[in-house]
Amino acid sequence: SRQALADMVLSVNDIVPVASATERSQL
């Protein structure tokens, strides 16, 4: 399903770029 594929991508522990500690907290 589309949701299952979305969950697969979201579960990957990649390095997420953020601009600041504020954006990090929002994430």
PDB file of all heavy atoms in Angstrom:
ATOM      1  N   SER A   1       0.845  -1.195   0.000  1.00  0.00           N
ATOM      2  CA  SER A   1       0.000   0.000   0.000  1.00  0.00           C
ATOM      3  C   SER A   1       0.876   1.238   0.000  1.00  0.00           C
ATOM      4  O   SER A   1       2.071   1.177   0.327  1.00  0.00           O
ATOM      5  CB  SER A   1      -0.912   0.015   1.235  1.00  0.00           C
ATOM      6  OG  SER A   1      -0.135   0.170   2.419  1.00  0.00           O
ATOM      7  N   ARG A   2       0.258   2.358  -0.357  1.00  0.00           N
ATOM      8  CA  ARG A   2       1.008   3.616  -0.353  1.00  0.00           C
ATOM      9  C   ARG A   2       1.516   3.925   1.053  1.00  0.00           C
ATOM     10  O   ARG A   2       2.655   4.361   1.230  1.00  0.00           O
ATOM     11  CB  ARG A   2       0.106   4.743  -0.858  1.00  0.00           C
ATOM     12  CG  ARG A   2       0.821   6.087  -0.974  1.00  0.00           C
ATOM     13  CD  ARG A   2      -0.121   7.174  -1.467  1.00  0.00           C
ATOM     14  NE  ARG A   2       0.568   8.443  -1.633  1.00  0.00           N
ATOM     15  CZ  ARG A   2       0.904   9.270  -0.636  1.00  0.00           C
ATOM     16  NH1 ARG A   2       0.577   8.948   0.610  1.00  0.00           N
ATOM     17  NH2 ARG A   2       1.537  10.402  -0.898  1.00  0.00           N
ATOM     18  N   GLN A   3       0.691   3.670   2.083  1.00  0.00           N
ATOM     19  CA  GLN A   3       1.094   3.949   3.453  1.00  0.00           C
ATOM     20  C   GLN A   3       2.255   3.061   3.878  1.00  0.00           C
ATOM     21  O   GLN A   3       3.189   3.501   4.554  1.00  0.00           O
ATOM     22  CB  GLN A   3      -0.086   3.746   4.412  1.00  0.00           C
ATOM     23  CG  GLN A   3       0.218   4.128   5.859  1.00  0.00           C
ATOM     24  CD  GLN A   3       0.612   5.590   5.994  1.00  0.00           C
ATOM     25  OE1 GLN A   3      -0.099   6.471   5.517  1.00  0.00           O
ATOM     26  NE2 GLN A   3       1.752   5.856   6.640  1.00  0.00           N
ATOM     27  N   ALA A   4       2.211   1.804   3.457  1.00  0.00           N
ATOM     28  CA  ALA A   4       3.293   0.883   3.809  1.00  0.00           C
ATOM     29  C   ALA A   4       4.605   1.342   3.184  1.00  0.00           C
ATOM     30  O   ALA A   4       5.663   1.302   3.832  1.00  0.00           O
ATOM     31  CB  ALA A   4       2.947  -0.526   3.345  1.00  0.00           C
ATOM     32  N   LEU A   5       4.553   1.798   1.940  1.00  0.00           N
ATOM     33  CA  LEU A   5       5.760   2.297   1.285  1.00  0.00           C
ATOM     34  C   LEU A   5       6.272   3.570   1.966  1.00  0.00           C
ATOM     35  O   LEU A   5       7.480   3.758   2.137  1.00  0.00           O
ATOM     36  CB  LEU A   5       5.479   2.565  -0.195  1.00  0.00           C
ATOM     37  CG  LEU A   5       5.192   1.321  -1.051  1.00  0.00           C
ATOM     38  CD1 LEU A   5       4.762   1.730  -2.456  1.00  0.00           C
ATOM     39  CD2 LEU A   5       6.425   0.425  -1.113  1.00  0.00           C
ATOM     40  N   ALA A   6       5.343   4.445   2.384  1.00  0.00           N
ATOM     41  CA  ALA A   6       5.732   5.665   3.076  1.00  0.00           C
ATOM     42  C   ALA A   6       6.397   5.355   4.416  1.00  0.00           C
ATOM     43  O   ALA A   6       7.394   5.968   4.800  1.00  0.00           O
ATOM     44  CB  ALA A   6       4.519   6.566   3.289  1.00  0.00           C
ATOM     45  N   ASP A   7       5.848   4.352   5.115  1.00  0.00           N
ATOM     46  CA  ASP A   7       6.437   3.950   6.389  1.00  0.00           C
ATOM     47  C   ASP A   7       7.825   3.350   6.195  1.00  0.00           C
ATOM     48  O   ASP A   7       8.718   3.542   7.031  1.00  0.00           O
ATOM     49  CB  ASP A   7       5.529   2.937   7.095  1.00  0.00           C
ATOM     50  CG  ASP A   7       4.265   3.580   7.648  1.00  0.00           C
ATOM     51  OD1 ASP A   7       4.225   4.826   7.757  1.00  0.00           O
ATOM     52  OD2 ASP A   7       3.306   2.842   7.966  1.00  0.00           O
ATOM     53  N   MET A   8       8.015   2.618   5.114  1.00  0.00           N
ATOM     54  CA  MET A   8       9.333   2.044   4.832  1.00  0.00           C
ATOM     55  C   MET A   8      10.374   3.151   4.680  1.00  0.00           C
ATOM     56  O   MET A   8      11.476   3.081   5.240  1.00  0.00           O
ATOM     57  CB  MET A   8       9.275   1.199   3.554  1.00  0.00           C
ATOM     58  CG  MET A   8       8.526  -0.122   3.705  1.00  0.00           C
ATOM     59  SD  MET A   8       8.327  -0.977   2.111  1.00  0.00           S
ATOM     60  CE  MET A   8      10.039  -1.197   1.614  1.00  0.00           C
ATOM     61  N   VAL A   9      10.021   4.183   3.934  1.00  0.00           N
ATOM     62  CA  VAL A   9      10.951   5.289   3.715  1.00  0.00           C
ATOM     63  C   VAL A   9      11.211   6.036   5.019  1.00  0.00           C
ATOM     64  O   VAL A   9      12.352   6.368   5.357  1.00  0.00           O
ATOM     65  CB  VAL A   9      10.403   6.254   2.641  1.00  0.00           C
ATOM     66  CG1 VAL A   9      11.278   7.494   2.550  1.00  0.00           C
ATOM     67  CG2 VAL A   9      10.315   5.554   1.302  1.00  0.00           C
ATOM     68  N   LEU A  10      10.157   6.285   5.798  1.00  0.00           N
ATOM     69  CA  LEU A  10      10.282   7.039   7.034  1.00  0.00           C
ATOM     70  C   LEU A  10      11.124   6.298   8.074  1.00  0.00           C
ATOM     71  O   LEU A  10      11.778   6.915   8.910  1.00  0.00           O
ATOM     72  CB  LEU A  10       8.895   7.335   7.606  1.00  0.00           C
ATOM     73  CG  LEU A  10       8.824   8.296   8.808  1.00  0.00           C
ATOM     74  CD1 LEU A  10       9.407   9.658   8.423  1.00  0.00           C
ATOM     75  CD2 LEU A  10       7.383   8.439   9.283  1.00  0.00           C
ATOM     76  N   SER A  11      11.144   4.979   8.005  1.00  0.00           N
ATOM     77  CA  SER A  11      11.874   4.188   8.994  1.00  0.00           C
ATOM     78  C   SER A  11      13.377   4.167   8.753  1.00  0.00           C
ATOM     79  O   SER A  11      14.142   3.719   9.609  1.00  0.00           O
ATOM     80  CB  SER A  11      11.345   2.745   9.012  1.00  0.00           C
ATOM     81  OG  SER A  11      11.761   2.038   7.847  1.00  0.00           O
ATOM     82  N   VAL A  12      13.824   4.633   7.596  1.00  0.00           N
ATOM     83  CA  VAL A  12      15.256   4.643   7.289  1.00  0.00           C
ATOM     84  C   VAL A  12      15.940   5.728   8.140  1.00  0.00           C
ATOM     85  O   VAL A  12      15.558   6.894   8.114  1.00  0.00           O
ATOM     86  CB  VAL A  12      15.497   4.912   5.787  1.00  0.00           C
ATOM     87  CG1 VAL A  12      16.988   5.036   5.516  1.00  0.00           C
ATOM     88  CG2 VAL A  12      14.899   3.787   4.957  1.00  0.00           C
ATOM     89  N   ASN A  13      16.964   5.329   8.882  1.00  0.00           N
ATOM     90  CA  ASN A  13      17.649   6.263   9.783  1.00  0.00           C
ATOM     91  C   ASN A  13      18.756   7.023   9.048  1.00  0.00           C
ATOM     92  O   ASN A  13      19.942   6.833   9.307  1.00  0.00           O
ATOM     93  CB  ASN A  13      18.234   5.507  10.975  1.00  0.00           C
ATOM     94  CG  ASN A  13      17.151   4.984  11.895  1.00  0.00           C
ATOM     95  OD1 ASN A  13      16.154   5.649  12.119  1.00  0.00           O
ATOM     96  ND2 ASN A  13      17.340   3.786  12.407  1.00  0.00           N
ATOM     97  N   ASP A  14      18.362   7.882   8.143  1.00  0.00           N
ATOM     98  CA  ASP A  14      19.358   8.677   7.428  1.00  0.00           C
ATOM     99  C   ASP A  14      19.688   9.936   8.218  1.00  0.00           C
ATOM    100  O   ASP A  14      19.086  10.219   9.252  1.00  0.00           O
ATOM    101  CB  ASP A  14      18.851   9.038   6.027  1.00  0.00           C
ATOM    102  CG  ASP A  14      17.500   9.742   6.063  1.00  0.00           C
ATOM    103  OD1 ASP A  14      16.854   9.752   7.134  1.00  0.00           O
ATOM    104  OD2 ASP A  14      17.077  10.278   5.028  1.00  0.00           O
ATOM    105  N   ILE A  15      20.682  10.683   7.766  1.00  0.00           N
ATOM    106  CA  ILE A  15      21.066  11.938   8.411  1.00  0.00           C
ATOM    107  C   ILE A  15      20.202  13.052   7.834  1.00  0.00           C
ATOM    108  O   ILE A  15      20.207  13.298   6.626  1.00  0.00           O
ATOM    109  CB  ILE A  15      22.558  12.229   8.186  1.00  0.00           C
ATOM    110  CG1 ILE A  15      23.409  11.113   8.797  1.00  0.00           C
ATOM    111  CG2 ILE A  15      22.936  13.578   8.789  1.00  0.00           C
ATOM    112  CD1 ILE A  15      24.890  11.248   8.528  1.00  0.00           C
ATOM    113  N   VAL A  16      19.453  13.716   8.695  1.00  0.00           N
ATOM    114  CA  VAL A  16      18.482  14.713   8.251  1.00  0.00           C
ATOM    115  C   VAL A  16      19.094  16.112   8.352  1.00  0.00           C
ATOM    116  O   VAL A  16      19.534  16.517   9.434  1.00  0.00           O
ATOM    117  CB  VAL A  16      17.203  14.652   9.097  1.00  0.00           C
ATOM    118  CG1 VAL A  16      16.177  15.653   8.569  1.00  0.00           C
ATOM    119  CG2 VAL A  16      16.639  13.242   9.113  1.00  0.00           C
ATOM    120  N   PRO A  17      19.142  16.868   7.274  1.00  0.00           N
ATOM    121  CA  PRO A  17      19.661  18.245   7.361  1.00  0.00           C
ATOM    122  C   PRO A  17      18.643  19.169   8.031  1.00  0.00           C
ATOM    123  O   PRO A  17      17.455  19.157   7.707  1.00  0.00           O
ATOM    124  CB  PRO A  17      19.876  18.626   5.892  1.00  0.00           C
ATOM    125  CG  PRO A  17      18.919  17.766   5.124  1.00  0.00           C
ATOM    126  CD  PRO A  17      18.794  16.482   5.884  1.00  0.00           C
ATOM    127  N   VAL A  18      19.124  19.964   9.002  1.00  0.00           N
ATOM    128  CA  VAL A  18      18.286  20.977   9.647  1.00  0.00           C
ATOM    129  C   VAL A  18      19.087  22.276   9.711  1.00  0.00           C
ATOM    130  O   VAL A  18      20.317  22.257   9.761  1.00  0.00           O
ATOM    131  CB  VAL A  18      17.845  20.556  11.064  1.00  0.00           C
ATOM    132  CG1 VAL A  18      16.936  19.338  11.003  1.00  0.00           C
ATOM    133  CG2 VAL A  18      19.048  20.279  11.956  1.00  0.00           C
ATOM    134  N   ALA A  19      18.376  23.382   9.723  1.00  0.00           N
ATOM    135  CA  ALA A  19      19.051  24.682   9.722  1.00  0.00           C
ATOM    136  C   ALA A  19      19.535  25.088  11.111  1.00  0.00           C
ATOM    137  O   ALA A  19      20.525  25.790  11.237  1.00  0.00           O
ATOM    138  CB  ALA A  19      18.114  25.747   9.170  1.00  0.00           C
ATOM    139  N   SER A  20      18.818  24.617  12.160  1.00  0.00           N
ATOM    140  CA  SER A  20      19.112  25.103  13.501  1.00  0.00           C
ATOM    141  C   SER A  20      18.569  24.139  14.541  1.00  0.00           C
ATOM    142  O   SER A  20      17.875  23.160  14.223  1.00  0.00           O
ATOM    143  CB  SER A  20      18.460  26.472  13.712  1.00  0.00           C
ATOM    144  OG  SER A  20      17.043  26.341  13.606  1.00  0.00           O
ATOM    145  N   ALA A  21      18.860  24.441  15.819  1.00  0.00           N
ATOM    146  CA  ALA A  21      18.318  23.634  16.913  1.00  0.00           C
ATOM    147  C   ALA A  21      16.798  23.735  16.956  1.00  0.00           C
ATOM    148  O   ALA A  21      16.113  22.782  17.337  1.00  0.00           O
ATOM    149  CB  ALA A  21      18.924  24.089  18.236  1.00  0.00           C
ATOM    150  N   THR A  22      16.264  24.874  16.532  1.00  0.00           N
ATOM    151  CA  THR A  22      14.800  25.039  16.503  1.00  0.00           C
ATOM    152  C   THR A  22      14.174  24.081  15.501  1.00  0.00           C
ATOM    153  O   THR A  22      13.194  23.386  15.822  1.00  0.00           O
ATOM    154  CB  THR A  22      14.439  26.494  16.137  1.00  0.00           C
ATOM    155  OG1 THR A  22      14.959  27.373  17.138  1.00  0.00           O
ATOM    156  CG2 THR A  22      12.931  26.660  16.046  1.00  0.00           C
ATOM    157  N   GLU A  23      14.730  24.010  14.299  1.00  0.00           N
ATOM    158  CA  GLU A  23      14.192  23.084  13.301  1.00  0.00           C
ATOM    159  C   GLU A  23      14.396  21.638  13.745  1.00  0.00           C
ATOM    160  O   GLU A  23      13.555  20.777  13.481  1.00  0.00           O
ATOM    161  CB  GLU A  23      14.846  23.311  11.942  1.00  0.00           C
ATOM    162  CG  GLU A  23      14.217  22.462  10.840  1.00  0.00           C
ATOM    163  CD  GLU A  23      14.836  22.691   9.474  1.00  0.00           C
ATOM    164  OE1 GLU A  23      15.717  23.559   9.348  1.00  0.00           O
ATOM    165  OE2 GLU A  23      14.423  21.981   8.520  1.00  0.00           O
ATOM    166  N   ARG A  24      15.500  21.372  14.429  1.00  0.00           N
ATOM    167  CA  ARG A  24      15.746  20.024  14.958  1.00  0.00           C
ATOM    168  C   ARG A  24      14.643  19.628  15.938  1.00  0.00           C
ATOM    169  O   ARG A  24      14.124  18.508  15.896  1.00  0.00           O
ATOM    170  CB  ARG A  24      17.107  20.001  15.646  1.00  0.00           C
ATOM    171  CG  ARG A  24      17.562  18.652  16.142  1.00  0.00           C
ATOM    172  CD  ARG A  24      18.856  18.807  16.915  1.00  0.00           C
ATOM    173  NE  ARG A  24      18.671  19.602  18.116  1.00  0.00           N
ATOM    174  CZ  ARG A  24      19.654  20.126  18.839  1.00  0.00           C
ATOM    175  NH1 ARG A  24      20.912  19.973  18.460  1.00  0.00           N
ATOM    176  NH2 ARG A  24      19.394  20.816  19.929  1.00  0.00           N
ATOM    177  N   SER A  25      14.257  20.544  16.816  1.00  0.00           N
ATOM    178  CA  SER A  25      13.181  20.271  17.773  1.00  0.00           C
ATOM    179  C   SER A  25      11.851  20.055  17.068  1.00  0.00           C
ATOM    180  O   SER A  25      11.044  19.195  17.466  1.00  0.00           O
ATOM    181  CB  SER A  25      13.058  21.432  18.773  1.00  0.00           C
ATOM    182  OG  SER A  25      14.241  21.560  19.533  1.00  0.00           O
ATOM    183  N   GLN A  26      11.610  20.837  16.022  1.00  0.00           N
ATOM    184  CA  GLN A  26      10.370  20.673  15.254  1.00  0.00           C
ATOM    185  C   GLN A  26      10.319  19.303  14.593  1.00  0.00           C
ATOM    186  O   GLN A  26       9.252  18.673  14.508  1.00  0.00           O
ATOM    187  CB  GLN A  26      10.270  21.782  14.210  1.00  0.00           C
ATOM    188  CG  GLN A  26      10.087  23.167  14.814  1.00  0.00           C
ATOM    189  CD  GLN A  26      10.238  24.286  13.780  1.00  0.00           C
ATOM    190  OE1 GLN A  26      10.755  24.068  12.677  1.00  0.00           O
ATOM    191  NE2 GLN A  26       9.803  25.487  14.138  1.00  0.00           N
ATOM    192  N   LEU A  27      11.475  18.822  14.137  1.00  0.00           N
ATOM    193  CA  LEU A  27      11.545  17.505  13.517  1.00  0.00           C
ATOM    194  C   LEU A  27      11.227  16.417  14.532  1.00  0.00           C
ATOM    195  O   LEU A  27      10.478  15.475  14.237  1.00  0.00           O
ATOM    196  CB  LEU A  27      12.937  17.290  12.924  1.00  0.00           C
ATOM    197  CG  LEU A  27      13.238  15.900  12.342  1.00  0.00           C
ATOM    198  CD1 LEU A  27      12.298  15.582  11.180  1.00  0.00           C
ATOM    199  CD2 LEU A  27      14.691  15.835  11.879  1.00  0.00           C
TER     200      LEU A  27
END
